[in-house]
Amino acid sequence: MRLTVNGEARAVEGVAYLADLVARLRLDARKVAVELNRAIVPRSAYAATALADGDQIEIVHFIGGG
């Protein structure tokens, strides 16, 4: 499947849901916000949000500090 993640075209295999992609990218789902095809996806819906060839995904990482 071909996805565009943060503007970069990627070929990914074995990724059916948004939660799978977040895990594949080794991201902590609690510390990211995800937009799929220009719509924000609630964290609670990652596991149920299916991905399709050509989807465009933007992922923002939250970084703590002080």
C-alpha atoms as a PDB file:
ATOM      1  CA  MET A   1       0.000   0.000   0.000  1.00  0.00           C
ATOM      2  CA  ARG A   2       1.252   3.504  -0.797  1.00  0.00           C
ATOM      3  CA  LEU A   3       0.705   6.198   1.812  1.00  0.00           C
ATOM      4  CA  THR A   4       1.889   9.764   2.112  1.00  0.00           C
ATOM      5  CA  VAL A   5       3.099  10.412   5.661  1.00  0.00           C
ATOM      6  CA  ASN A   6       4.017  13.997   6.523  1.00  0.00           C
ATOM      7  CA  GLY A   7       4.510  14.748   2.839  1.00  0.00           C
ATOM      8  CA  GLU A   8       6.727  11.712   2.184  1.00  0.00           C
ATOM      9  CA  ALA A   9       5.516   8.880  -0.068  1.00  0.00           C
ATOM     10  CA  ARG A  10       5.965   5.482   1.608  1.00  0.00           C
ATOM     11  CA  ALA A  11       5.245   1.914   0.645  1.00  0.00           C
ATOM     12  CA  VAL A  12       4.039  -0.017   3.690  1.00  0.00           C
ATOM     13  CA  GLU A  13       2.976  -3.631   4.069  1.00  0.00           C
ATOM     14  CA  GLY A  14       0.971  -5.273   6.830  1.00  0.00           C
ATOM     15  CA  VAL A  15      -0.647  -2.030   7.948  1.00  0.00           C
ATOM     16  CA  ALA A  16      -4.431  -2.108   7.868  1.00  0.00           C
ATOM     17  CA  TYR A  17      -5.393   0.430  10.521  1.00  0.00           C
ATOM     18  CA  LEU A  18      -4.090   3.746  11.730  1.00  0.00           C
ATOM     19  CA  ALA A  19      -3.026   2.143  15.028  1.00  0.00           C
ATOM     20  CA  ASP A  20      -0.874  -0.298  13.032  1.00  0.00           C
ATOM     21  CA  LEU A  21       0.887   2.580  11.279  1.00  0.00           C
ATOM     22  CA  VAL A  22       1.533   4.458  14.517  1.00  0.00           C
ATOM     23  CA  ALA A  23       3.022   1.286  16.001  1.00  0.00           C
ATOM     24  CA  ARG A  24       5.082   0.568  12.854  1.00  0.00           C
ATOM     25  CA  LEU A  25       6.552   4.063  13.092  1.00  0.00           C
ATOM     26  CA  ARG A  26       7.355   3.342  16.765  1.00  0.00           C
ATOM     27  CA  LEU A  27       5.377   6.312  17.977  1.00  0.00           C
ATOM     28  CA  ASP A  28       3.618   6.602  21.309  1.00  0.00           C
ATOM     29  CA  ALA A  29      -0.064   7.016  20.415  1.00  0.00           C
ATOM     30  CA  ARG A  30      -0.538   9.084  23.579  1.00  0.00           C
ATOM     31  CA  LYS A  31       1.907  11.698  22.293  1.00  0.00           C
ATOM     32  CA  VAL A  32       0.772  12.225  18.703  1.00  0.00           C
ATOM     33  CA  ALA A  33      -2.114  13.812  16.851  1.00  0.00           C
ATOM     34  CA  VAL A  34      -3.062  12.325  13.491  1.00  0.00           C
ATOM     35  CA  GLU A  35      -4.849  13.794  10.502  1.00  0.00           C
ATOM     36  CA  LEU A  36      -6.073  11.374   7.827  1.00  0.00           C
ATOM     37  CA  ASN A  37      -7.027  12.898   4.488  1.00  0.00           C
ATOM     38  CA  ARG A  38      -7.373  16.344   6.114  1.00  0.00           C
ATOM     39  CA  ALA A  39      -9.590  15.139   8.981  1.00  0.00           C
ATOM     40  CA  ILE A  40      -8.347  14.815  12.552  1.00  0.00           C
ATOM     41  CA  VAL A  41      -8.764  11.287  13.897  1.00  0.00           C
ATOM     42  CA  PRO A  42      -9.516  10.934  17.619  1.00  0.00           C
ATOM     43  CA  ARG A  43      -6.987   8.741  19.410  1.00  0.00           C
ATOM     44  CA  SER A  44      -9.817   6.456  20.506  1.00  0.00           C
ATOM     45  CA  ALA A  45     -10.527   5.684  16.821  1.00  0.00           C
ATOM     46  CA  TYR A  46      -6.989   4.751  15.699  1.00  0.00           C
ATOM     47  CA  ALA A  47      -7.625   0.999  16.043  1.00  0.00           C
ATOM     48  CA  ALA A  48     -10.860   1.192  14.035  1.00  0.00           C
ATOM     49  CA  THR A  49      -9.686   3.588  11.309  1.00  0.00           C
ATOM     50  CA  ALA A  50      -8.833   1.596   8.199  1.00  0.00           C
ATOM     51  CA  LEU A  51      -6.166   2.832   5.822  1.00  0.00           C
ATOM     52  CA  ALA A  52      -6.422   2.688   2.032  1.00  0.00           C
ATOM     53  CA  ASP A  53      -3.934   3.016  -0.779  1.00  0.00           C
ATOM     54  CA  GLY A  54      -3.230   6.680  -1.472  1.00  0.00           C
ATOM     55  CA  ASP A  55      -4.225   7.990   1.970  1.00  0.00           C
ATOM     56  CA  GLN A  56      -2.508  11.153   3.154  1.00  0.00           C
ATOM     57  CA  ILE A  57      -1.500  11.209   6.795  1.00  0.00           C
ATOM     58  CA  GLU A  58      -0.034  14.010   8.877  1.00  0.00           C
ATOM     59  CA  ILE A  59       1.374  13.154  12.286  1.00  0.00           C
ATOM     60  CA  VAL A  60       2.319  15.747  14.895  1.00  0.00           C
ATOM     61  CA  HIS A  61       4.487  14.737  17.873  1.00  0.00           C
ATOM     62  CA  PHE A  62       4.019  16.374  21.256  1.00  0.00           C
ATOM     63  CA  ILE A  63       7.259  17.055  23.065  1.00  0.00           C
ATOM     64  CA  GLY A  64       7.257  17.980  26.725  1.00  0.00           C
ATOM     65  CA  GLY A  65       9.725  20.254  28.326  1.00  0.00           C
ATOM     66  CA  GLY A  66      10.074  23.140  30.585  1.00  0.00           C
END
